[in-house]
């Protein structure tokens, strides 16, 4: 990532420069996305050309020729003669195919992200598994090429100048629903699981190893519940336990903010530069809670002048999403400090990074959350939510949108913990702002053959930020947790904090000698 003055510009290998069409987003839903896993979207998007039969295709960012195609399934399995959907898949073929009847199914997050669009990241993260086994990617119904349920709204410039308090969420939700060609009640997780099984059977795999990230861990756990006979191993990375509504994410966000403040306070250089960071954050929050602040800023992608209406929702939304990845998290002390001095350019740059990069199909996202999470949020939980800004805002928004979406609630059994003896690796990031380690512990409640590893320096998506490639490959190769150790996760891979718009904190002399790159760039460097 390069820093030019106060404009934050992503490198092409971190995130693409969005076109006007790609910048369109439904702002109300973006601000309130419960999980919105950032791991894959920040690594780059991909364009695919998938044929309507078993064929080959290429994905942007990968030189390999993939196997691709789709299976046709009923939109409503209770009415198999009715409307049909094409569920698209892509297979990253094994380098040396030794297990032709096995594959690793990698499930994307969101809910609402396309697995196929994120093929380059899955390929990098699962490269050792791919040496002998195929990597299977399926665009879950409502995402990617599988009848995408996307809602268009304000473009980027319009989003910057919008005061969210003036947004009519009910009207925007109705507009989104009216524009979708789908029975939105048929896009929940358990229905999508039947599609996954149809793809597996079509491709002739007898066994699957499953990797799920964020919301993808819910799909993986449902696979363990409904089709245990076809699973060899499971990896849950950033776990959403079945017992937990994702609307509890507000507590995880507050925890992650506290850890950020503690990290800066315990770091001599960060604390020296931003001695009153917690006070700065409270000052900005208090001010924006009273009224938005309007200012002239520069578009971080084009440098064109823009009018920014900085609201508390934008500020807190940018803060929250920046904590998903370590290199962007490192910018936050500087951005918060600048905001306390009425300079919102840095926060706006973070907002620009995240608003374009979630890759969430908002319609599919609503079908899942309204059916599986909102309706099980109890009155007691609602009362507790009043004490948490993020949860309160999410609940209030879904209270307006979910009755319009009008999808049925899942059965009570949906929320029961998963009981299984399938070898299962559970990965949690200590700094995760979405799925904290306590959620991993909750998921372990009735897993009799599982290990929970906590990566002390990871945020959301442990496997991408650590030695996860090795751990998953060992699990898949052995079909067992025996000998699996978390020692490699202890490697100190923390990012240095930015002390201003252009530089990060200095490295200790011993580590400087080992580094051959300039530390005035926002590259991955080790922390003391």
Protein backbone atom coordinates (compact mmCIF):
# COMPACT_ATOMS: atom_id res chain seq x y z
CA UNK A 1 0.00 0.00 0.00
CA UNK A 2 1.34 3.43 -0.93
CA UNK A 3 0.63 6.61 0.97
CA UNK A 4 0.63 9.87 -1.00
CA UNK A 5 0.11 12.79 1.32
CA UNK A 6 -3.23 12.03 2.95
CA UNK A 7 -4.60 9.98 0.04
CA UNK A 8 -4.53 6.25 0.68
CA UNK A 9 -4.07 4.36 -2.61
CA UNK A 10 -4.20 0.55 -2.66
CA UNK A 11 -1.80 -1.45 -4.78
CA UNK A 12 -3.36 -3.50 -7.52
CA UNK A 13 -2.53 -6.75 -5.77
CA UNK A 14 -4.46 -5.66 -2.68
CA UNK A 15 -7.63 -4.30 -4.26
CA UNK A 16 -8.65 -3.31 -7.77
CA UNK A 17 -9.56 0.24 -8.70
CA UNK A 18 -13.33 0.18 -8.90
CA UNK A 19 -15.29 1.45 -11.89
CA UNK A 20 -18.39 3.58 -11.38
CA UNK A 21 -20.57 0.51 -11.84
CA UNK A 22 -18.53 -1.54 -9.39
CA UNK A 23 -18.69 1.27 -6.86
CA UNK A 24 -22.45 1.05 -6.65
CA UNK A 25 -23.50 -0.31 -3.30
CA UNK A 26 -26.49 -0.31 -1.07
CA UNK A 27 -25.14 2.02 1.57
CA UNK A 28 -27.64 1.18 4.28
CA UNK A 29 -26.73 -2.50 4.14
CA UNK A 30 -22.97 -1.88 3.84
CA UNK A 31 -22.92 0.13 7.04
CA UNK A 32 -24.74 -2.61 8.91
CA UNK A 33 -23.29 -5.81 7.46
CA UNK A 34 -22.89 -8.13 10.46
CA UNK A 35 -19.89 -10.12 9.24
CA UNK A 36 -18.70 -8.86 5.86
CA UNK A 37 -15.50 -10.89 5.81
CA UNK A 38 -12.78 -8.71 4.31
CA UNK A 39 -10.13 -11.36 3.93
CA UNK A 40 -10.73 -12.33 0.35
CA UNK A 41 -12.13 -9.14 -1.11
CA UNK A 42 -9.02 -7.18 -0.19
CA UNK A 43 -6.85 -9.71 -1.97
CA UNK A 44 -8.43 -8.96 -5.34
CA UNK A 45 -11.50 -9.74 -7.38
CA UNK A 46 -11.67 -11.99 -10.41
CA UNK A 47 -13.62 -12.13 -13.62
CA UNK A 48 -14.62 -15.54 -14.92
CA UNK A 49 -15.93 -16.85 -18.19
CA UNK A 50 -17.83 -19.98 -17.25
CA UNK A 51 -19.43 -22.16 -19.91
CA UNK A 52 -22.89 -23.72 -19.42
CA UNK A 53 -21.47 -27.26 -19.35
CA UNK A 54 -18.42 -28.98 -17.92
CA UNK A 55 -15.70 -26.95 -19.56
CA UNK A 56 -12.56 -24.97 -18.84
CA UNK A 57 -12.22 -21.37 -17.81
CA UNK A 58 -9.68 -18.82 -16.63
CA UNK A 59 -9.93 -16.59 -13.60
CA UNK A 60 -8.34 -13.19 -13.35
CA UNK A 61 -5.16 -13.48 -11.30
CA UNK A 62 -4.53 -17.16 -12.02
CA UNK A 63 -2.61 -18.54 -15.03
CA UNK A 64 -4.13 -21.99 -14.56
CA UNK A 65 -6.87 -23.44 -16.69
CA UNK A 66 -9.71 -24.44 -14.36
CA UNK A 67 -12.53 -26.90 -14.74
CA UNK A 68 -15.82 -25.08 -14.58
CA UNK A 69 -19.52 -25.37 -15.23
CA UNK A 70 -22.81 -25.49 -13.39
CA UNK A 71 -25.50 -27.79 -12.11
CA UNK A 72 -29.16 -26.93 -12.53
CA UNK A 73 -31.31 -27.15 -9.40
CA UNK A 74 -34.81 -26.01 -8.40
CA UNK A 75 -35.00 -22.59 -6.79
CA UNK A 76 -37.55 -24.20 -4.45
CA UNK A 77 -36.79 -27.86 -3.78
CA UNK A 78 -40.39 -28.37 -2.66
CA UNK A 79 -41.45 -27.53 -6.22
CA UNK A 80 -38.87 -29.25 -8.43
CA UNK A 81 -40.86 -28.47 -11.58
CA UNK A 82 -40.70 -24.73 -10.92
CA UNK A 83 -38.04 -22.12 -11.60
CA UNK A 84 -34.51 -23.49 -12.04
CA UNK A 85 -31.14 -22.03 -10.97
CA UNK A 86 -27.68 -22.64 -12.39
CA UNK A 87 -25.22 -23.16 -9.54
CA UNK A 88 -21.77 -22.37 -10.88
CA UNK A 89 -18.55 -24.02 -9.75
CA UNK A 90 -14.86 -23.88 -10.57
CA UNK A 91 -12.26 -26.53 -9.77
CA UNK A 92 -8.61 -25.65 -9.22
CA UNK A 93 -7.14 -28.99 -10.34
CA UNK A 94 -4.55 -30.73 -8.20
CA UNK A 95 -0.96 -30.24 -9.33
CA UNK A 96 -0.25 -33.96 -8.91
CA UNK A 97 -3.68 -35.59 -8.61
CA UNK A 98 -3.18 -38.42 -6.16
CA UNK A 99 -6.70 -38.36 -4.68
CA UNK A 100 -9.08 -38.03 -7.61
CA UNK A 101 -12.14 -38.85 -5.51
CA UNK A 102 -11.40 -36.17 -2.93
CA UNK A 103 -11.46 -32.38 -3.03
CA UNK A 104 -11.23 -29.51 -0.60
CA UNK A 105 -14.36 -27.36 -0.73
CA UNK A 106 -13.50 -23.74 0.17
CA UNK A 107 -16.54 -21.72 1.28
CA UNK A 108 -16.46 -17.92 1.15
CA UNK A 109 -17.78 -15.53 3.77
CA UNK A 110 -20.20 -12.64 3.89
CA UNK A 111 -22.85 -13.92 3.77
CA UNK A 112 -22.88 -12.92 0.14
CA UNK A 113 -19.35 -13.30 -1.25
CA UNK A 114 -18.50 -15.22 -4.42
CA UNK A 115 -16.09 -18.11 -3.94
CA UNK A 116 -15.11 -18.16 -7.63
CA UNK A 117 -14.24 -14.46 -7.69
CA UNK A 118 -11.84 -15.13 -4.84
CA UNK A 119 -10.13 -18.09 -6.51
CA UNK A 120 -6.65 -16.44 -6.52
CA UNK A 121 -6.73 -16.00 -2.76
CA UNK A 122 -7.97 -19.52 -2.09
CA UNK A 123 -5.26 -20.82 -4.43
CA UNK A 124 -2.55 -18.96 -2.51
CA UNK A 125 -3.87 -19.93 0.90
CA UNK A 126 -4.45 -23.61 0.04
CA UNK A 127 -1.49 -24.13 -2.28
CA UNK A 128 -0.11 -27.06 -0.27
CA UNK A 129 -3.45 -28.85 -0.21
CA UNK A 130 -3.69 -28.34 -3.96
CA UNK A 131 -0.49 -30.28 -4.54
CA UNK A 132 -2.49 -33.50 -4.36
CA UNK A 133 -6.16 -32.56 -4.18
CA UNK A 134 -8.53 -30.41 -6.18
CA UNK A 135 -9.84 -27.17 -4.67
CA UNK A 136 -13.57 -26.85 -5.30
CA UNK A 137 -15.22 -23.41 -5.36
CA UNK A 138 -18.99 -22.98 -5.56
CA UNK A 139 -20.83 -19.70 -5.98
CA UNK A 140 -23.56 -20.14 -3.38
CA UNK A 141 -27.06 -19.34 -4.67
CA UNK A 142 -27.55 -15.58 -4.68
CA UNK A 143 -23.83 -14.83 -5.12
CA UNK A 144 -21.43 -14.46 -8.03
CA UNK A 145 -22.72 -16.27 -11.10
CA UNK A 146 -25.40 -18.26 -9.24
CA UNK A 147 -28.35 -15.88 -9.71
CA UNK A 148 -26.67 -12.92 -8.02
CA UNK A 149 -29.01 -11.06 -5.63
CA UNK A 150 -27.37 -7.64 -5.68
CA UNK A 151 -28.88 -4.27 -4.89
CA UNK A 152 -27.64 -1.05 -6.39
CA UNK A 153 -27.74 2.20 -4.49
CA UNK A 154 -25.69 5.34 -4.04
CA UNK A 155 -22.41 5.50 -5.95
CA UNK A 156 -19.24 6.26 -4.04
CA UNK A 157 -19.49 10.05 -4.36
CA UNK A 158 -23.15 9.98 -3.41
CA UNK A 159 -22.38 7.82 -0.39
CA UNK A 160 -19.79 10.29 0.85
CA UNK A 161 -22.20 13.22 0.76
CA UNK A 162 -25.13 11.31 2.25
CA UNK A 163 -26.34 11.76 5.80
CA UNK A 164 -27.44 8.28 6.84
CA UNK A 165 -30.00 9.73 9.22
CA UNK A 166 -31.90 10.88 6.14
CA UNK A 167 -31.84 7.41 4.60
CA UNK A 168 -35.19 5.64 4.40
CA UNK A 169 -34.09 2.07 5.04
CA UNK A 170 -37.57 0.62 4.54
CA UNK A 171 -37.90 2.35 1.18
CA UNK A 172 -34.42 1.29 0.08
CA UNK A 173 -35.15 -2.29 1.12
CA UNK A 174 -38.40 -2.36 -0.84
CA UNK A 175 -36.65 -0.90 -3.88
CA UNK A 176 -33.99 -3.59 -3.64
CA UNK A 177 -36.56 -6.37 -3.27
CA UNK A 178 -38.61 -5.09 -6.21
CA UNK A 179 -35.52 -5.21 -8.42
CA UNK A 180 -34.69 -8.86 -7.72
CA UNK A 181 -35.86 -11.73 -9.90
CA UNK A 182 -36.03 -14.34 -7.16
CA UNK A 183 -38.07 -15.88 -4.38
CA UNK A 184 -35.84 -14.49 -1.63
CA UNK A 185 -37.19 -17.01 0.88
CA UNK A 186 -35.20 -19.72 -0.95
CA UNK A 187 -31.71 -18.33 -0.38
CA UNK A 188 -30.96 -19.48 3.17
CA UNK A 189 -28.03 -21.61 4.23
CA UNK A 190 -29.69 -25.02 4.54
CA UNK A 191 -31.23 -24.74 1.07
CA UNK A 192 -27.88 -23.72 -0.41
CA UNK A 193 -26.31 -26.77 1.22
CA UNK A 194 -28.42 -28.99 -1.05
CA UNK A 195 -26.87 -27.20 -4.02
CA UNK A 196 -23.39 -27.93 -2.69
CA UNK A 197 -24.24 -31.60 -2.44
CA UNK A 198 -25.59 -31.57 -5.99
CA UNK A 199 -22.28 -30.16 -7.23
CA UNK A 200 -20.28 -32.74 -5.27
CA UNK A 201 -22.31 -35.61 -6.69
CA UNK A 202 -22.11 -34.18 -10.21
CA UNK A 203 -18.32 -33.99 -10.03
CA UNK A 204 -18.01 -37.48 -8.56
CA UNK A 205 -16.17 -36.69 -5.34
CA UNK A 206 -16.69 -39.34 -2.65
CA UNK A 207 -15.15 -37.24 0.13
CA UNK A 208 -14.76 -33.54 0.82
CA UNK A 209 -12.38 -31.69 3.09
CA UNK A 210 -14.13 -28.44 3.96
CA UNK A 211 -12.61 -25.04 4.71
CA UNK A 212 -14.96 -22.23 5.75
CA UNK A 213 -14.11 -18.62 6.53
CA UNK A 214 -16.43 -16.39 8.62
CA UNK A 215 -20.03 -17.00 7.46
CA UNK A 216 -18.56 -19.89 5.47
CA UNK A 217 -18.02 -21.63 8.81
CA UNK A 218 -21.79 -21.72 9.27
CA UNK A 219 -22.12 -23.54 5.96
CA UNK A 220 -19.30 -25.91 6.98
CA UNK A 221 -21.01 -26.70 10.29
CA UNK A 222 -24.31 -27.36 8.52
CA UNK A 223 -22.45 -29.75 6.23
CA UNK A 224 -21.20 -31.55 9.36
CA UNK A 225 -24.77 -31.80 10.62
CA UNK A 226 -26.59 -32.89 7.46
CA UNK A 227 -23.99 -34.78 5.39
CA UNK A 228 -21.31 -36.06 7.78
CA UNK A 229 -20.76 -39.19 5.72
CA UNK A 230 -19.12 -37.25 2.87
CA UNK A 231 -16.74 -35.19 5.01
CA UNK A 232 -13.16 -36.21 5.78
CA UNK A 233 -11.94 -33.11 7.67
CA UNK A 234 -13.19 -29.61 8.47
CA UNK A 235 -11.40 -26.31 9.09
CA UNK A 236 -13.40 -23.47 10.64
CA UNK A 237 -11.57 -20.15 10.32
CA UNK A 238 -13.15 -17.20 12.17
CA UNK A 239 -16.05 -19.22 13.53
CA UNK A 240 -19.70 -18.23 13.65
CA UNK A 241 -21.03 -20.90 16.07
CA UNK A 242 -24.52 -22.19 15.39
CA UNK A 243 -25.59 -21.04 18.86
CA UNK A 244 -24.76 -17.41 18.07
CA UNK A 245 -26.72 -14.80 16.15
CA UNK A 246 -24.31 -12.74 14.06
CA UNK A 247 -25.98 -9.61 15.47
CA UNK A 248 -23.80 -10.15 18.54
CA UNK A 249 -20.89 -8.90 16.47
CA UNK A 250 -21.17 -5.53 18.22
CA UNK A 251 -19.48 -6.98 21.30
CA UNK A 252 -16.67 -8.34 19.13
CA UNK A 253 -16.14 -4.94 17.50
CA UNK A 254 -15.95 -3.17 20.87
CA UNK A 255 -13.46 -5.79 22.06
CA UNK A 256 -11.29 -5.25 18.97
CA UNK A 257 -11.34 -1.47 19.44
CA UNK A 258 -10.19 -1.96 23.03
CA UNK A 259 -7.33 -4.18 21.85
CA UNK A 260 -6.30 -1.56 19.29
CA UNK A 261 -6.16 1.13 21.98
CA UNK A 262 -4.20 -1.19 24.27
CA UNK A 263 -1.72 -2.07 21.51
CA UNK A 264 -1.01 1.58 20.82
CA UNK A 265 -0.76 2.43 24.50
CA UNK A 266 1.74 -0.37 25.16
CA UNK A 267 3.87 0.60 22.16
CA UNK A 268 6.32 3.38 23.07
CA UNK A 269 6.40 5.05 19.66
CA UNK A 270 2.65 4.81 19.01
CA UNK A 271 1.86 6.06 22.50
CA UNK A 272 4.38 8.85 22.14
CA UNK A 273 2.75 10.02 18.93
CA UNK A 274 -0.86 9.42 19.99
CA UNK A 275 -0.78 9.71 23.78
CA UNK A 276 -4.49 10.49 24.04
CA UNK A 277 -5.83 8.08 21.42
CA UNK A 278 -8.75 6.84 23.52
CA UNK A 279 -9.71 10.42 24.31
CA UNK A 280 -9.40 11.30 20.61
CA UNK A 281 -11.78 8.48 19.73
CA UNK A 282 -14.31 9.52 22.37
CA UNK A 283 -14.08 13.14 21.21
CA UNK A 284 -14.85 12.26 17.59
CA UNK A 285 -17.66 9.91 18.60
CA UNK A 286 -19.26 12.51 20.86
CA UNK A 287 -19.07 15.21 18.24
CA UNK A 288 -20.49 13.09 15.41
CA UNK A 289 -23.27 11.79 17.66
CA UNK A 290 -24.43 15.39 17.97
CA UNK A 291 -24.26 16.31 14.28
CA UNK A 292 -22.41 15.36 11.07
CA UNK A 293 -19.38 17.38 9.95
CA UNK A 294 -19.19 18.56 6.32
CA UNK A 295 -15.86 19.24 4.62
CA UNK A 296 -14.14 19.26 1.25
CA UNK A 297 -11.87 16.27 0.64
CA UNK A 298 -10.08 14.56 -2.24
CA UNK A 299 -11.26 11.31 -3.78
CA UNK A 300 -8.57 8.79 -2.70
CA UNK A 301 -8.73 7.08 -6.10
CA UNK A 302 -9.04 10.05 -8.50
CA UNK A 303 -7.89 13.02 -6.38
CA UNK A 304 -11.00 14.91 -7.50
CA UNK A 305 -12.58 17.28 -4.93
CA UNK A 306 -15.57 15.84 -3.10
CA UNK A 307 -17.99 16.93 -0.41
CA UNK A 308 -17.76 14.64 2.60
CA UNK A 309 -20.54 14.50 5.17
CA UNK A 310 -18.83 12.64 7.99
CA UNK A 311 -21.44 10.95 10.14
CA UNK A 312 -20.96 8.72 13.12
CA UNK A 313 -22.12 5.78 11.00
CA UNK A 314 -19.43 6.41 8.36
CA UNK A 315 -16.73 6.99 10.97
CA UNK A 316 -17.51 3.91 13.04
CA UNK A 317 -18.13 1.82 9.93
CA UNK A 318 -14.71 2.72 8.51
CA UNK A 319 -13.08 2.06 11.89
CA UNK A 320 -14.72 -1.32 12.17
CA UNK A 321 -13.91 -2.54 8.65
CA UNK A 322 -10.29 -1.31 8.87
CA UNK A 323 -9.70 -3.72 11.75
CA UNK A 324 -10.28 -6.77 9.53
CA UNK A 325 -6.78 -6.71 8.05
CA UNK A 326 -3.50 -5.98 9.88
CA UNK A 327 -1.99 -3.59 7.33
CA UNK A 328 -5.08 -1.35 7.33
CA UNK A 329 -5.50 -1.65 11.10
CA UNK A 330 -2.03 -0.11 11.39
CA UNK A 331 -3.39 3.14 9.92
CA UNK A 332 -6.08 3.64 12.55
CA UNK A 333 -4.23 5.53 15.34
CA UNK A 334 -3.13 8.18 12.82
CA UNK A 335 -6.58 8.35 11.22
CA UNK A 336 -8.38 8.66 14.57
CA UNK A 337 -5.93 11.35 15.75
CA UNK A 338 -6.45 13.33 12.54
CA UNK A 339 -10.22 13.06 12.87
CA UNK A 340 -9.99 14.51 16.38
CA UNK A 341 -8.35 17.52 14.73
CA UNK A 342 -11.24 17.83 12.23
CA UNK A 343 -9.26 16.27 9.37
CA UNK A 344 -11.29 13.34 8.03
CA UNK A 345 -9.23 12.69 4.88
CA UNK A 346 -7.51 9.63 6.34
CA UNK A 347 -10.74 8.12 7.67
CA UNK A 348 -12.37 8.81 4.31
CA UNK A 349 -9.52 6.93 2.64
CA UNK A 350 -10.19 3.91 4.87
CA UNK A 351 -13.88 4.22 4.10
CA UNK A 352 -13.07 4.17 0.38
CA UNK A 353 -11.01 1.00 0.78
CA UNK A 354 -13.79 -0.84 2.55
CA UNK A 355 -16.93 0.38 0.79
CA UNK A 356 -15.61 -0.92 -2.53
CA UNK A 357 -14.16 -4.16 -1.32
CA UNK A 358 -16.63 -6.28 0.58
CA UNK A 359 -18.04 -7.97 -2.53
CA UNK A 360 -21.29 -8.69 -0.71
CA UNK A 361 -24.49 -9.64 -2.55
CA UNK A 362 -26.80 -7.56 -0.37
CA UNK A 363 -29.98 -9.41 -1.31
CA UNK A 364 -28.58 -12.83 -0.44
CA UNK A 365 -27.11 -11.32 2.73
CA UNK A 366 -30.56 -10.14 3.82
CA UNK A 367 -32.16 -13.52 3.10
CA UNK A 368 -29.67 -15.25 5.39
CA UNK A 369 -29.58 -12.72 8.23
CA UNK A 370 -33.33 -12.09 8.31
CA UNK A 371 -34.15 -15.80 8.34
CA UNK A 372 -31.33 -17.13 10.52
CA UNK A 373 -30.23 -14.35 12.88
CA UNK A 374 -32.66 -11.46 13.29
CA UNK A 375 -35.69 -13.52 14.28
CA UNK A 376 -33.85 -15.44 17.00
CA UNK A 377 -32.58 -12.24 18.69
CA UNK A 378 -34.47 -12.33 21.99
CA UNK A 379 -35.99 -9.45 23.91
CA UNK A 380 -33.27 -9.76 26.54
CA UNK A 381 -30.63 -9.55 23.83
CA UNK A 382 -32.36 -6.50 22.40
CA UNK A 383 -32.23 -4.78 25.77
CA UNK A 384 -28.55 -5.57 26.08
CA UNK A 385 -28.01 -4.27 22.54
CA UNK A 386 -29.04 -0.80 23.64
CA UNK A 387 -25.66 -0.51 25.37
CA UNK A 388 -23.70 -1.25 22.19
CA UNK A 389 -23.63 1.21 19.28
CA UNK A 390 -23.01 -1.31 16.51
CA UNK A 391 -25.53 -3.91 17.67
CA UNK A 392 -28.18 -1.27 18.34
CA UNK A 393 -27.79 0.21 14.85
CA UNK A 394 -27.88 -3.22 13.19
CA UNK A 395 -30.97 -4.36 15.10
CA UNK A 396 -32.79 -1.10 14.36
CA UNK A 397 -32.00 -1.39 10.66
CA UNK A 398 -33.02 -5.04 10.37
CA UNK A 399 -36.21 -4.25 12.31
CA UNK A 400 -37.09 -2.03 9.36
CA UNK A 401 -35.81 -4.21 6.52
CA UNK A 402 -36.54 -7.80 7.58
CA UNK A 403 -40.35 -7.49 7.76
CA UNK A 404 -40.20 -6.30 4.14
CA UNK A 405 -37.89 -9.15 3.16
CA UNK A 406 -40.42 -11.46 4.84
CA UNK A 407 -38.47 -14.71 4.87
CA UNK A 408 -39.47 -17.48 7.30
CA UNK A 409 -37.43 -18.10 10.41
CA UNK A 410 -35.31 -21.24 10.59
CA UNK A 411 -36.36 -23.98 13.00
CA UNK A 412 -35.20 -23.75 16.60
CA UNK A 413 -32.93 -26.75 16.01
CA UNK A 414 -30.86 -24.62 13.63
CA UNK A 415 -29.21 -22.95 16.63
CA UNK A 416 -28.18 -26.19 18.35
CA UNK A 417 -24.43 -26.80 18.67
CA UNK A 418 -22.89 -29.17 16.16
CA UNK A 419 -22.23 -32.66 17.49
CA UNK A 420 -19.49 -34.37 15.51
CA UNK A 421 -16.35 -36.50 15.69
CA UNK A 422 -15.06 -35.41 12.28
CA UNK A 423 -11.45 -34.15 12.64
CA UNK A 424 -12.00 -30.40 12.94
CA UNK A 425 -9.48 -27.57 13.18
CA UNK A 426 -10.87 -24.35 14.67
CA UNK A 427 -8.86 -21.17 14.01
CA UNK A 428 -9.39 -17.83 15.77
CA UNK A 429 -7.54 -14.52 15.54
CA UNK A 430 -6.87 -12.81 18.86
CA UNK A 431 -7.47 -9.40 17.21
CA UNK A 432 -10.54 -10.46 15.23
CA UNK A 433 -13.22 -7.71 15.13
CA UNK A 434 -15.95 -10.10 13.96
CA UNK A 435 -15.51 -13.63 15.32
CA UNK A 436 -13.45 -13.53 18.53
CA UNK A 437 -11.81 -16.56 20.15
CA UNK A 438 -14.78 -16.97 22.53
CA UNK A 439 -16.91 -17.82 19.50
CA UNK A 440 -14.45 -20.56 18.61
CA UNK A 441 -14.77 -21.96 22.12
CA UNK A 442 -18.57 -21.90 21.79
CA UNK A 443 -18.37 -23.85 18.53
CA UNK A 444 -16.23 -26.49 20.26
CA UNK A 445 -18.98 -27.36 22.76
CA UNK A 446 -19.87 -30.77 21.25
CA UNK A 447 -17.00 -31.37 18.82
CA UNK A 448 -15.34 -34.47 20.23
CA UNK A 449 -12.44 -34.55 17.76
CA UNK A 450 -11.39 -30.91 17.45
CA UNK A 451 -8.55 -28.52 18.28
CA UNK A 452 -8.88 -24.76 18.75
CA UNK A 453 -5.82 -22.70 17.83
CA UNK A 454 -5.72 -18.95 18.58
CA UNK A 455 -3.31 -16.87 16.50
CA UNK A 456 -2.11 -14.04 18.77
CA UNK A 457 -1.36 -11.55 15.97
CA UNK A 458 -4.14 -12.36 13.48
CA UNK A 459 -7.36 -10.51 12.82
CA UNK A 460 -10.10 -12.08 10.66
CA UNK A 461 -8.98 -15.02 8.55
CA UNK A 462 -6.14 -16.78 10.34
CA UNK A 463 -5.17 -19.08 7.48
CA UNK A 464 -4.46 -16.16 5.16
CA UNK A 465 -2.32 -14.31 7.70
CA UNK A 466 -0.25 -17.11 9.14
CA UNK A 467 1.01 -20.66 8.71
CA UNK A 468 -2.56 -21.82 8.11
CA UNK A 469 -1.55 -23.29 4.75
CA UNK A 470 0.73 -25.74 6.55
CA UNK A 471 -1.80 -26.59 9.27
CA UNK A 472 -4.65 -27.26 6.85
CA UNK A 473 -2.42 -29.29 4.54
CA UNK A 474 -1.26 -31.45 7.46
CA UNK A 475 -4.84 -32.02 8.61
CA UNK A 476 -5.97 -32.96 5.11
CA UNK A 477 -2.97 -35.20 4.44
CA UNK A 478 -3.31 -37.14 7.69
CA UNK A 479 -7.11 -37.09 7.98
CA UNK A 480 -6.33 -36.53 11.62
CA UNK A 481 -5.46 -33.88 14.20
CA UNK A 482 -2.65 -36.05 15.59
CA UNK A 483 0.60 -34.13 15.74
CA UNK A 484 -1.01 -30.84 14.76
CA UNK A 485 0.66 -28.00 16.72
CA UNK A 486 -0.03 -24.29 16.98
CA UNK A 487 3.63 -23.36 17.54
CA UNK A 488 3.98 -21.69 14.15
CA UNK A 489 1.12 -19.30 14.94
CA UNK A 490 3.28 -17.66 17.61
CA UNK A 491 5.58 -16.08 15.01
CA UNK A 492 5.43 -12.33 15.58
CA UNK A 493 3.92 -10.89 12.39
CA UNK A 494 2.45 -7.72 13.85
CA UNK A 495 2.29 -4.64 11.64
CA UNK A 496 3.96 -1.41 12.64
CA UNK A 497 1.64 1.50 13.28
CA UNK A 498 1.76 4.53 11.04
CA UNK A 499 3.09 7.53 12.93
CA UNK A 500 1.89 9.91 10.21
CA UNK A 501 0.60 9.73 6.66
CA UNK A 502 3.89 8.51 5.22
CA UNK A 503 5.86 6.49 7.75
CA UNK A 504 5.52 3.65 10.18
CA UNK A 505 7.30 3.31 13.50
CA UNK A 506 10.98 2.41 13.34
CA UNK A 507 12.11 -1.16 13.64
CA UNK A 508 14.60 -2.26 16.29
CA UNK A 509 18.19 -2.31 15.00
CA UNK A 510 18.35 -6.11 14.98
CA UNK A 511 15.34 -6.37 12.70
CA UNK A 512 16.40 -3.43 10.53
CA UNK A 513 19.49 -5.40 9.59
CA UNK A 514 17.30 -8.22 8.33
CA UNK A 515 15.08 -6.01 6.22
CA UNK A 516 15.94 -4.97 2.69
CA UNK A 517 12.86 -2.90 2.00
CA UNK A 518 12.08 0.69 2.81
CA UNK A 519 10.06 1.21 5.96
CA UNK A 520 8.52 4.36 4.61
CA UNK A 521 6.17 2.14 2.63
CA UNK A 522 3.18 0.31 4.12
CA UNK A 523 4.55 -3.16 3.56
CA UNK A 524 4.33 -6.15 5.90
CA UNK A 525 7.07 -5.61 8.46
CA UNK A 526 7.59 -7.19 11.84
CA UNK A 527 6.82 -5.47 15.09
CA UNK A 528 9.09 -5.55 18.09
